[in-house]
């Protein structure tokens, strides 16, 4: 089974930028604390636009990704993250080939 990854593009409302960063930092910490099959979870901020972010995540397999989507803190943190956005999140999925 190959690893499952996603890249999410998040454009925040300027006044909500710091809140979104704090929520993502909490989410990242919890992912690494409670999801041993999460290999990567990073929030990247654009050098060109401080309100544009990418979240890059890789999970061992589909089951690990499904666990991430169903875990209690995901349901608690994602809605307020989405409330910080100026437009809909762009989400793309990828598979490891190696």
PDB file of N, CA and C in Angstrom:
ATOM      1  N   UNK A   1       0.835  -1.187   0.000  1.00  0.00           N
ATOM      2  CA  UNK A   1       0.000   0.000   0.000  1.00  0.00           C
ATOM      3  C   UNK A   1       0.879   1.249   0.000  1.00  0.00           C
ATOM      4  N   UNK A   2       0.519   2.230  -0.778  1.00  0.00           N
ATOM      5  CA  UNK A   2       1.314   3.444  -0.837  1.00  0.00           C
ATOM      6  C   UNK A   2       0.770   4.496   0.123  1.00  0.00           C
ATOM      7  N   UNK A   3       1.656   5.401   0.479  1.00  0.00           N
ATOM      8  CA  UNK A   3       1.276   6.487   1.369  1.00  0.00           C
ATOM      9  C   UNK A   3       0.266   7.400   0.681  1.00  0.00           C
ATOM     10  N   UNK A   4      -0.607   7.992   1.478  1.00  0.00           N
ATOM     11  CA  UNK A   4      -1.596   8.939   0.961  1.00  0.00           C
ATOM     12  C   UNK A   4      -1.232  10.326   1.482  1.00  0.00           C
ATOM     13  N   UNK A   5      -1.172  11.278   0.573  1.00  0.00           N
ATOM     14  CA  UNK A   5      -0.821  12.652   0.929  1.00  0.00           C
ATOM     15  C   UNK A   5      -1.883  13.611   0.431  1.00  0.00           C
ATOM     16  N   UNK A   6      -1.921  14.770   1.077  1.00  0.00           N
ATOM     17  CA  UNK A   6      -2.739  15.848   0.543  1.00  0.00           C
ATOM     18  C   UNK A   6      -1.988  17.160   0.658  1.00  0.00           C
ATOM     19  N   UNK A   7      -2.343  18.063  -0.229  1.00  0.00           N
ATOM     20  CA  UNK A   7      -1.909  19.447  -0.155  1.00  0.00           C
ATOM     21  C   UNK A   7      -3.171  20.289  -0.158  1.00  0.00           C
ATOM     22  N   UNK A   8      -3.307  21.112   0.859  1.00  0.00           N
ATOM     23  CA  UNK A   8      -4.449  22.014   0.962  1.00  0.00           C
ATOM     24  C   UNK A   8      -3.936  23.445   0.845  1.00  0.00           C
ATOM     25  N   UNK A   9      -4.557  24.223  -0.016  1.00  0.00           N
ATOM     26  CA  UNK A   9      -4.231  25.635  -0.152  1.00  0.00           C
ATOM     27  C   UNK A   9      -5.274  26.421   0.627  1.00  0.00           C
ATOM     28  N   UNK A  10      -4.789  27.215   1.578  1.00  0.00           N
ATOM     29  CA  UNK A  10      -5.663  27.983   2.461  1.00  0.00           C
ATOM     30  C   UNK A  10      -5.361  29.465   2.286  1.00  0.00           C
ATOM     31  N   UNK A  11      -6.370  30.243   1.961  1.00  0.00           N
ATOM     32  CA  UNK A  11      -6.226  31.705   1.895  1.00  0.00           C
ATOM     33  C   UNK A  11      -7.039  32.278   3.041  1.00  0.00           C
ATOM     34  N   UNK A  12      -6.344  32.884   3.989  1.00  0.00           N
ATOM     35  CA  UNK A  12      -7.018  33.370   5.187  1.00  0.00           C
ATOM     36  C   UNK A  12      -7.483  34.815   5.040  1.00  0.00           C
ATOM     37  N   UNK A  13      -8.464  35.147   5.855  1.00  0.00           N
ATOM     38  CA  UNK A  13      -8.831  36.548   6.034  1.00  0.00           C
ATOM     39  C   UNK A  13      -7.665  37.184   6.804  1.00  0.00           C
ATOM     40  N   UNK A  14      -7.192  38.346   6.404  1.00  0.00           N
ATOM     41  CA  UNK A  14      -6.035  38.933   7.094  1.00  0.00           C
ATOM     42  C   UNK A  14      -6.218  39.042   8.607  1.00  0.00           C
ATOM     43  N   UNK A  15      -7.408  39.395   9.035  1.00  0.00           N
ATOM     44  CA  UNK A  15      -7.654  39.559  10.466  1.00  0.00           C
ATOM     45  C   UNK A  15      -7.743  38.220  11.206  1.00  0.00           C
ATOM     46  N   UNK A  16      -7.801  37.122  10.474  1.00  0.00           N
ATOM     47  CA  UNK A  16      -7.900  35.783  11.073  1.00  0.00           C
ATOM     48  C   UNK A  16      -6.602  34.977  10.919  1.00  0.00           C
ATOM     49  N   UNK A  17      -5.569  35.592  10.311  1.00  0.00           N
ATOM     50  CA  UNK A  17      -4.330  34.875  10.018  1.00  0.00           C
ATOM     51  C   UNK A  17      -3.715  34.253  11.275  1.00  0.00           C
ATOM     52  N   UNK A  18      -3.536  35.036  12.318  1.00  0.00           N
ATOM     53  CA  UNK A  18      -2.873  34.530  13.531  1.00  0.00           C
ATOM     54  C   UNK A  18      -3.704  33.447  14.216  1.00  0.00           C
ATOM     55  N   UNK A  19      -5.015  33.592  14.185  1.00  0.00           N
ATOM     56  CA  UNK A  19      -5.895  32.561  14.755  1.00  0.00           C
ATOM     57  C   UNK A  19      -5.740  31.249  13.988  1.00  0.00           C
ATOM     58  N   UNK A  20      -5.712  31.328  12.658  1.00  0.00           N
ATOM     59  CA  UNK A  20      -5.565  30.123  11.843  1.00  0.00           C
ATOM     60  C   UNK A  20      -4.217  29.463  12.103  1.00  0.00           C
ATOM     61  N   UNK A  21      -3.151  30.254  12.216  1.00  0.00           N
ATOM     62  CA  UNK A  21      -1.829  29.701  12.504  1.00  0.00           C
ATOM     63  C   UNK A  21      -1.838  28.980  13.850  1.00  0.00           C
ATOM     64  N   UNK A  22      -2.450  29.577  14.855  1.00  0.00           N
ATOM     65  CA  UNK A  22      -2.514  28.951  16.181  1.00  0.00           C
ATOM     66  C   UNK A  22      -3.318  27.646  16.145  1.00  0.00           C
ATOM     67  N   UNK A  23      -4.437  27.650  15.447  1.00  0.00           N
ATOM     68  CA  UNK A  23      -5.246  26.435  15.331  1.00  0.00           C
ATOM     69  C   UNK A  23      -4.487  25.339  14.589  1.00  0.00           C
ATOM     70  N   UNK A  24      -3.791  25.706  13.525  1.00  0.00           N
ATOM     71  CA  UNK A  24      -3.009  24.717  12.774  1.00  0.00           C
ATOM     72  C   UNK A  24      -1.847  24.187  13.614  1.00  0.00           C
ATOM     73  N   UNK A  25      -1.227  25.037  14.415  1.00  0.00           N
ATOM     74  CA  UNK A  25      -0.136  24.581  15.286  1.00  0.00           C
ATOM     75  C   UNK A  25      -0.655  23.570  16.309  1.00  0.00           C
ATOM     76  N   UNK A  26      -1.831  23.840  16.858  1.00  0.00           N
ATOM     77  CA  UNK A  26      -2.440  22.888  17.793  1.00  0.00           C
ATOM     78  C   UNK A  26      -2.745  21.578  17.085  1.00  0.00           C
ATOM     79  N   UNK A  27      -3.322  21.661  15.890  1.00  0.00           N
ATOM     80  CA  UNK A  27      -3.647  20.460  15.130  1.00  0.00           C
ATOM     81  C   UNK A  27      -2.395  19.655  14.822  1.00  0.00           C
ATOM     82  N   UNK A  28      -1.345  20.314  14.368  1.00  0.00           N
ATOM     83  CA  UNK A  28      -0.089  19.624  14.054  1.00  0.00           C
ATOM     84  C   UNK A  28       0.457  18.898  15.290  1.00  0.00           C
ATOM     85  N   UNK A  29       0.471  19.563  16.423  1.00  0.00           N
ATOM     86  CA  UNK A  29       0.962  18.925  17.643  1.00  0.00           C
ATOM     87  C   UNK A  29       0.158  17.694  18.017  1.00  0.00           C
ATOM     88  N   UNK A  30      -1.151  17.785  17.909  1.00  0.00           N
ATOM     89  CA  UNK A  30      -2.013  16.653  18.233  1.00  0.00           C
ATOM     90  C   UNK A  30      -1.854  15.518  17.229  1.00  0.00           C
ATOM     91  N   UNK A  31      -1.681  15.857  15.949  1.00  0.00           N
ATOM     92  CA  UNK A  31      -1.458  14.829  14.932  1.00  0.00           C
ATOM     93  C   UNK A  31      -0.229  14.011  15.298  1.00  0.00           C
ATOM     94  N   UNK A  32       0.875  14.685  15.598  1.00  0.00           N
ATOM     95  CA  UNK A  32       2.104  13.949  15.893  1.00  0.00           C
ATOM     96  C   UNK A  32       2.048  13.229  17.239  1.00  0.00           C
ATOM     97  N   UNK A  33       1.241  13.732  18.154  1.00  0.00           N
ATOM     98  CA  UNK A  33       1.100  13.089  19.461  1.00  0.00           C
ATOM     99  C   UNK A  33       0.213  11.845  19.413  1.00  0.00           C
ATOM    100  N   UNK A  34      -0.835  11.873  18.591  1.00  0.00           N
ATOM    101  CA  UNK A  34      -1.848  10.816  18.630  1.00  0.00           C
ATOM    102  C   UNK A  34      -1.964   9.979  17.364  1.00  0.00           C
ATOM    103  N   UNK A  35      -1.244  10.342  16.313  1.00  0.00           N
ATOM    104  CA  UNK A  35      -1.366   9.624  15.044  1.00  0.00           C
ATOM    105  C   UNK A  35       0.017   9.155  14.575  1.00  0.00           C
ATOM    106  N   UNK A  36       0.474   8.020  15.086  1.00  0.00           N
ATOM    107  CA  UNK A  36       1.824   7.558  14.735  1.00  0.00           C
ATOM    108  C   UNK A  36       2.007   7.261  13.243  1.00  0.00           C
ATOM    109  N   UNK A  37       0.923   7.053  12.512  1.00  0.00           N
ATOM    110  CA  UNK A  37       1.035   6.779  11.081  1.00  0.00           C
ATOM    111  C   UNK A  37       0.953   8.035  10.223  1.00  0.00           C
ATOM    112  N   UNK A  38       0.947   9.192  10.865  1.00  0.00           N
ATOM    113  CA  UNK A  38       1.075  10.463  10.141  1.00  0.00           C
ATOM    114  C   UNK A  38       2.566  10.746  10.005  1.00  0.00           C
ATOM    115  N   UNK A  39       3.051  10.735   8.789  1.00  0.00           N
ATOM    116  CA  UNK A  39       4.483  10.895   8.545  1.00  0.00           C
ATOM    117  C   UNK A  39       4.880  12.355   8.384  1.00  0.00           C
ATOM    118  N   UNK A  40       3.995  13.163   7.845  1.00  0.00           N
ATOM    119  CA  UNK A  40       4.250  14.588   7.613  1.00  0.00           C
ATOM    120  C   UNK A  40       2.969  15.347   7.913  1.00  0.00           C
ATOM    121  N   UNK A  41       3.101  16.467   8.592  1.00  0.00           N
ATOM    122  CA  UNK A  41       2.003  17.426   8.721  1.00  0.00           C
ATOM    123  C   UNK A  41       2.651  18.789   8.903  1.00  0.00           C
ATOM    124  N   UNK A  42       2.616  19.609   7.884  1.00  0.00           N
ATOM    125  CA  UNK A  42       3.287  20.902   7.915  1.00  0.00           C
ATOM    126  C   UNK A  42       2.371  22.004   7.399  1.00  0.00           C
ATOM    127  N   UNK A  43       2.460  23.158   8.040  1.00  0.00           N
ATOM    128  CA  UNK A  43       1.812  24.376   7.573  1.00  0.00           C
ATOM    129  C   UNK A  43       2.907  25.267   6.998  1.00  0.00           C
ATOM    130  N   UNK A  44       2.762  25.637   5.735  1.00  0.00           N
ATOM    131  CA  UNK A  44       3.743  26.463   5.039  1.00  0.00           C
ATOM    132  C   UNK A  44       3.095  27.780   4.646  1.00  0.00           C
ATOM    133  N   UNK A  45       3.754  28.889   4.962  1.00  0.00           N
ATOM    134  CA  UNK A  45       3.236  30.213   4.628  1.00  0.00           C
ATOM    135  C   UNK A  45       3.973  30.748   3.406  1.00  0.00           C
ATOM    136  N   UNK A  46       3.233  31.316   2.478  1.00  0.00           N
ATOM    137  CA  UNK A  46       3.799  31.876   1.255  1.00  0.00           C
ATOM    138  C   UNK A  46       4.723  33.049   1.570  1.00  0.00           C
ATOM    139  N   UNK A  47       5.856  33.107   0.877  1.00  0.00           N
ATOM    140  CA  UNK A  47       6.748  34.268   0.967  1.00  0.00           C
ATOM    141  C   UNK A  47       6.141  35.484   0.279  1.00  0.00           C
ATOM    142  N   UNK A  48       5.279  35.251  -0.697  1.00  0.00           N
ATOM    143  CA  UNK A  48       4.715  36.337  -1.499  1.00  0.00           C
ATOM    144  C   UNK A  48       3.417  36.910  -0.939  1.00  0.00           C
ATOM    145  N   UNK A  49       2.670  36.108  -0.194  1.00  0.00           N
ATOM    146  CA  UNK A  49       1.373  36.532   0.334  1.00  0.00           C
ATOM    147  C   UNK A  49       1.206  35.936   1.726  1.00  0.00           C
ATOM    148  N   UNK A  50       1.310  36.738   2.775  1.00  0.00           N
ATOM    149  CA  UNK A  50       1.249  36.200   4.138  1.00  0.00           C
ATOM    150  C   UNK A  50      -0.092  35.579   4.517  1.00  0.00           C
ATOM    151  N   UNK A  51      -1.095  35.749   3.670  1.00  0.00           N
ATOM    152  CA  UNK A  51      -2.405  35.161   3.946  1.00  0.00           C
ATOM    153  C   UNK A  51      -2.635  33.863   3.177  1.00  0.00           C
ATOM    154  N   UNK A  52      -1.621  33.378   2.478  1.00  0.00           N
ATOM    155  CA  UNK A  52      -1.736  32.128   1.723  1.00  0.00           C
ATOM    156  C   UNK A  52      -0.848  31.069   2.366  1.00  0.00           C
ATOM    157  N   UNK A  53      -1.439  29.917   2.607  1.00  0.00           N
ATOM    158  CA  UNK A  53      -0.764  28.806   3.270  1.00  0.00           C
ATOM    159  C   UNK A  53      -1.001  27.520   2.499  1.00  0.00           C
ATOM    160  N   UNK A  54      -0.066  26.612   2.614  1.00  0.00           N
ATOM    161  CA  UNK A  54      -0.262  25.236   2.174  1.00  0.00           C
ATOM    162  C   UNK A  54      -0.130  24.342   3.387  1.00  0.00           C
ATOM    163  N   UNK A  55      -1.026  23.388   3.501  1.00  0.00           N
ATOM    164  CA  UNK A  55      -0.867  22.305   4.472  1.00  0.00           C
ATOM    165  C   UNK A  55      -0.479  21.082   3.659  1.00  0.00           C
ATOM    166  N   UNK A  56       0.636  20.474   4.030  1.00  0.00           N
ATOM    167  CA  UNK A  56       1.124  19.277   3.370  1.00  0.00           C
ATOM    168  C   UNK A  56       1.108  18.165   4.414  1.00  0.00           C
ATOM    169  N   UNK A  57       0.434  17.071   4.096  1.00  0.00           N
ATOM    170  CA  UNK A  57       0.339  15.953   5.040  1.00  0.00           C
ATOM    171  C   UNK A  57       0.510  14.642   4.293  1.00  0.00           C
ATOM    172  N   UNK A  58       1.190  13.715   4.942  1.00  0.00           N
ATOM    173  CA  UNK A  58       1.355  12.366   4.403  1.00  0.00           C
ATOM    174  C   UNK A  58       1.051  11.363   5.496  1.00  0.00           C
ATOM    175  N   UNK A  59       0.260  10.374   5.125  1.00  0.00           N
ATOM    176  CA  UNK A  59      -0.138   9.309   6.036  1.00  0.00           C
ATOM    177  C   UNK A  59       0.352   7.978   5.479  1.00  0.00           C
ATOM    178  N   UNK A  60       0.645   7.048   6.356  1.00  0.00           N
ATOM    179  CA  UNK A  60       1.197   5.745   5.966  1.00  0.00           C
ATOM    180  C   UNK A  60       0.364   5.060   4.887  1.00  0.00           C
ATOM    181  N   UNK A  61      -0.960   5.157   5.012  1.00  0.00           N
ATOM    182  CA  UNK A  61      -1.858   4.474   4.080  1.00  0.00           C
ATOM    183  C   UNK A  61      -3.257   5.078   4.205  1.00  0.00           C
ATOM    184  N   UNK A  62      -4.207   4.524   3.471  1.00  0.00           N
ATOM    185  CA  UNK A  62      -5.582   5.025   3.514  1.00  0.00           C
ATOM    186  C   UNK A  62      -6.190   4.924   4.906  1.00  0.00           C
ATOM    187  N   UNK A  63      -5.888   3.845   5.609  1.00  0.00           N
ATOM    188  CA  UNK A  63      -6.447   3.666   6.953  1.00  0.00           C
ATOM    189  C   UNK A  63      -5.966   4.770   7.897  1.00  0.00           C
ATOM    190  N   UNK A  64      -4.707   5.144   7.791  1.00  0.00           N
ATOM    191  CA  UNK A  64      -4.173   6.221   8.632  1.00  0.00           C
ATOM    192  C   UNK A  64      -4.837   7.551   8.295  1.00  0.00           C
ATOM    193  N   UNK A  65      -5.079   7.786   7.002  1.00  0.00           N
ATOM    194  CA  UNK A  65      -5.774   9.004   6.602  1.00  0.00           C
ATOM    195  C   UNK A  65      -7.204   9.006   7.142  1.00  0.00           C
ATOM    196  N   UNK A  66      -7.895   7.887   7.019  1.00  0.00           N
ATOM    197  CA  UNK A  66      -9.268   7.798   7.529  1.00  0.00           C
ATOM    198  C   UNK A  66      -9.310   8.018   9.037  1.00  0.00           C
ATOM    199  N   UNK A  67      -8.319   7.487   9.752  1.00  0.00           N
ATOM    200  CA  UNK A  67      -8.238   7.724  11.203  1.00  0.00           C
ATOM    201  C   UNK A  67      -8.102   9.218  11.466  1.00  0.00           C
ATOM    202  N   UNK A  68      -7.247   9.886  10.695  1.00  0.00           N
ATOM    203  CA  UNK A  68      -7.058  11.329  10.861  1.00  0.00           C
ATOM    204  C   UNK A  68      -8.374  12.079  10.665  1.00  0.00           C
ATOM    205  N   UNK A  69      -9.110  11.706   9.652  1.00  0.00           N
ATOM    206  CA  UNK A  69     -10.363  12.395   9.354  1.00  0.00           C
ATOM    207  C   UNK A  69     -11.426  12.171  10.434  1.00  0.00           C
ATOM    208  N   UNK A  70     -11.325  11.070  11.176  1.00  0.00           N
ATOM    209  CA  UNK A  70     -12.354  10.716  12.166  1.00  0.00           C
ATOM    210  C   UNK A  70     -11.956  11.040  13.602  1.00  0.00           C
ATOM    211  N   UNK A  71     -10.724  11.444  13.828  1.00  0.00           N
ATOM    212  CA  UNK A  71     -10.263  11.640  15.204  1.00  0.00           C
ATOM    213  C   UNK A  71     -10.941  12.871  15.818  1.00  0.00           C
ATOM    214  N   UNK A  72     -11.197  12.825  17.118  1.00  0.00           N
ATOM    215  CA  UNK A  72     -12.006  13.852  17.773  1.00  0.00           C
ATOM    216  C   UNK A  72     -11.445  15.262  17.635  1.00  0.00           C
ATOM    217  N   UNK A  73     -10.154  15.440  17.757  1.00  0.00           N
ATOM    218  CA  UNK A  73      -9.613  16.797  17.686  1.00  0.00           C
ATOM    219  C   UNK A  73      -9.698  17.370  16.268  1.00  0.00           C
ATOM    220  N   UNK A  74      -9.732  16.534  15.247  1.00  0.00           N
ATOM    221  CA  UNK A  74      -9.929  17.016  13.875  1.00  0.00           C
ATOM    222  C   UNK A  74     -11.293  17.688  13.773  1.00  0.00           C
ATOM    223  N   UNK A  75     -12.310  17.028  14.296  1.00  0.00           N
ATOM    224  CA  UNK A  75     -13.666  17.583  14.253  1.00  0.00           C
ATOM    225  C   UNK A  75     -13.792  18.865  15.074  1.00  0.00           C
ATOM    226  N   UNK A  76     -12.963  19.006  16.100  1.00  0.00           N
ATOM    227  CA  UNK A  76     -13.007  20.209  16.942  1.00  0.00           C
ATOM    228  C   UNK A  76     -12.261  21.377  16.300  1.00  0.00           C
ATOM    229  N   UNK A  77     -11.143  21.120  15.630  1.00  0.00           N
ATOM    230  CA  UNK A  77     -10.288  22.196  15.129  1.00  0.00           C
ATOM    231  C   UNK A  77     -10.558  22.621  13.691  1.00  0.00           C
ATOM    232  N   UNK A  78     -10.999  21.711  12.847  1.00  0.00           N
ATOM    233  CA  UNK A  78     -11.154  22.060  11.433  1.00  0.00           C
ATOM    234  C   UNK A  78     -12.258  23.094  11.191  1.00  0.00           C
ATOM    235  N   UNK A  79     -13.435  23.003  11.808  1.00  0.00           N
ATOM    236  CA  UNK A  79     -14.444  24.047  11.553  1.00  0.00           C
ATOM    237  C   UNK A  79     -13.962  25.468  11.863  1.00  0.00           C
ATOM    238  N   UNK A  80     -13.280  25.716  13.010  1.00  0.00           N
ATOM    239  CA  UNK A  80     -12.797  27.090  13.212  1.00  0.00           C
ATOM    240  C   UNK A  80     -11.677  27.480  12.246  1.00  0.00           C
ATOM    241  N   UNK A  81     -10.885  26.502  11.784  1.00  0.00           N
ATOM    242  CA  UNK A  81      -9.884  26.804  10.753  1.00  0.00           C
ATOM    243  C   UNK A  81     -10.589  27.264   9.486  1.00  0.00           C
ATOM    244  N   UNK A  82     -11.610  26.532   9.083  1.00  0.00           N
ATOM    245  CA  UNK A  82     -12.351  26.902   7.876  1.00  0.00           C
ATOM    246  C   UNK A  82     -13.014  28.268   8.017  1.00  0.00           C
ATOM    247  N   UNK A  83     -13.419  28.634   9.223  1.00  0.00           N
ATOM    248  CA  UNK A  83     -14.022  29.947   9.464  1.00  0.00           C
ATOM    249  C   UNK A  83     -13.019  31.087   9.267  1.00  0.00           C
ATOM    250  N   UNK A  84     -11.731  30.776   9.313  1.00  0.00           N
ATOM    251  CA  UNK A  84     -10.690  31.787   9.127  1.00  0.00           C
ATOM    252  C   UNK A  84     -10.393  32.065   7.656  1.00  0.00           C
ATOM    253  N   UNK A  85     -10.960  31.270   6.772  1.00  0.00           N
ATOM    254  CA  UNK A  85     -10.601  31.366   5.363  1.00  0.00           C
ATOM    255  C   UNK A  85     -11.409  32.422   4.625  1.00  0.00           C
ATOM    256  N   UNK A  86     -10.733  33.073   3.671  1.00  0.00           N
ATOM    257  CA  UNK A  86     -11.374  34.079   2.831  1.00  0.00           C
ATOM    258  C   UNK A  86     -12.061  33.450   1.626  1.00  0.00           C
ATOM    259  N   UNK A  87     -11.677  32.221   1.291  1.00  0.00           N
ATOM    260  CA  UNK A  87     -12.289  31.498   0.171  1.00  0.00           C
ATOM    261  C   UNK A  87     -12.186  30.010   0.445  1.00  0.00           C
ATOM    262  N   UNK A  88     -12.883  29.218  -0.341  1.00  0.00           N
ATOM    263  CA  UNK A  88     -12.872  27.774  -0.141  1.00  0.00           C
ATOM    264  C   UNK A  88     -11.460  27.204  -0.254  1.00  0.00           C
ATOM    265  N   UNK A  89     -11.174  26.245   0.594  1.00  0.00           N
ATOM    266  CA  UNK A  89      -9.905  25.544   0.566  1.00  0.00           C
ATOM    267  C   UNK A  89      -9.798  24.748  -0.731  1.00  0.00           C
ATOM    268  N   UNK A  90      -8.606  24.737  -1.308  1.00  0.00           N
ATOM    269  CA  UNK A  90      -8.326  23.896  -2.464  1.00  0.00           C
ATOM    270  C   UNK A  90      -7.592  22.661  -1.937  1.00  0.00           C
ATOM    271  N   UNK A  91      -8.110  21.483  -2.215  1.00  0.00           N
ATOM    272  CA  UNK A  91      -7.571  20.254  -1.656  1.00  0.00           C
ATOM    273  C   UNK A  91      -7.251  19.274  -2.787  1.00  0.00           C
ATOM    274  N   UNK A  92      -6.014  18.778  -2.798  1.00  0.00           N
ATOM    275  CA  UNK A  92      -5.566  17.794  -3.798  1.00  0.00           C
ATOM    276  C   UNK A  92      -4.930  16.621  -3.082  1.00  0.00           C
ATOM    277  N   UNK A  93      -5.158  15.418  -3.613  1.00  0.00           N
ATOM    278  CA  UNK A  93      -4.616  14.192  -3.028  1.00  0.00           C
ATOM    279  C   UNK A  93      -3.554  13.598  -3.938  1.00  0.00           C
ATOM    280  N   UNK A  94      -2.584  12.915  -3.318  1.00  0.00           N
ATOM    281  CA  UNK A  94      -1.453  12.347  -4.034  1.00  0.00           C
ATOM    282  C   UNK A  94      -1.092  11.000  -3.440  1.00  0.00           C
ATOM    283  N   UNK A  95      -0.361  10.192  -4.219  1.00  0.00           N
ATOM    284  CA  UNK A  95       0.145   8.892  -3.786  1.00  0.00           C
ATOM    285  C   UNK A  95       1.659   8.851  -3.938  1.00  0.00           C
ATOM    286  N   UNK A  96       2.305   8.218  -2.993  1.00  0.00           N
ATOM    287  CA  UNK A  96       3.748   7.992  -3.069  1.00  0.00           C
ATOM    288  C   UNK A  96       4.019   6.929  -4.119  1.00  0.00           C
ATOM    289  N   UNK A  97       5.019   7.136  -4.931  1.00  0.00           N
ATOM    290  CA  UNK A  97       5.375   6.177  -5.968  1.00  0.00           C
ATOM    291  C   UNK A  97       6.618   5.369  -5.619  1.00  0.00           C
ATOM    292  N   UNK A  98       7.263   5.707  -4.528  1.00  0.00           N
ATOM    293  CA  UNK A  98       8.523   5.039  -4.219  1.00  0.00           C
ATOM    294  C   UNK A  98       8.458   3.995  -3.190  1.00  0.00           C
TER     295      UNK A  98
END
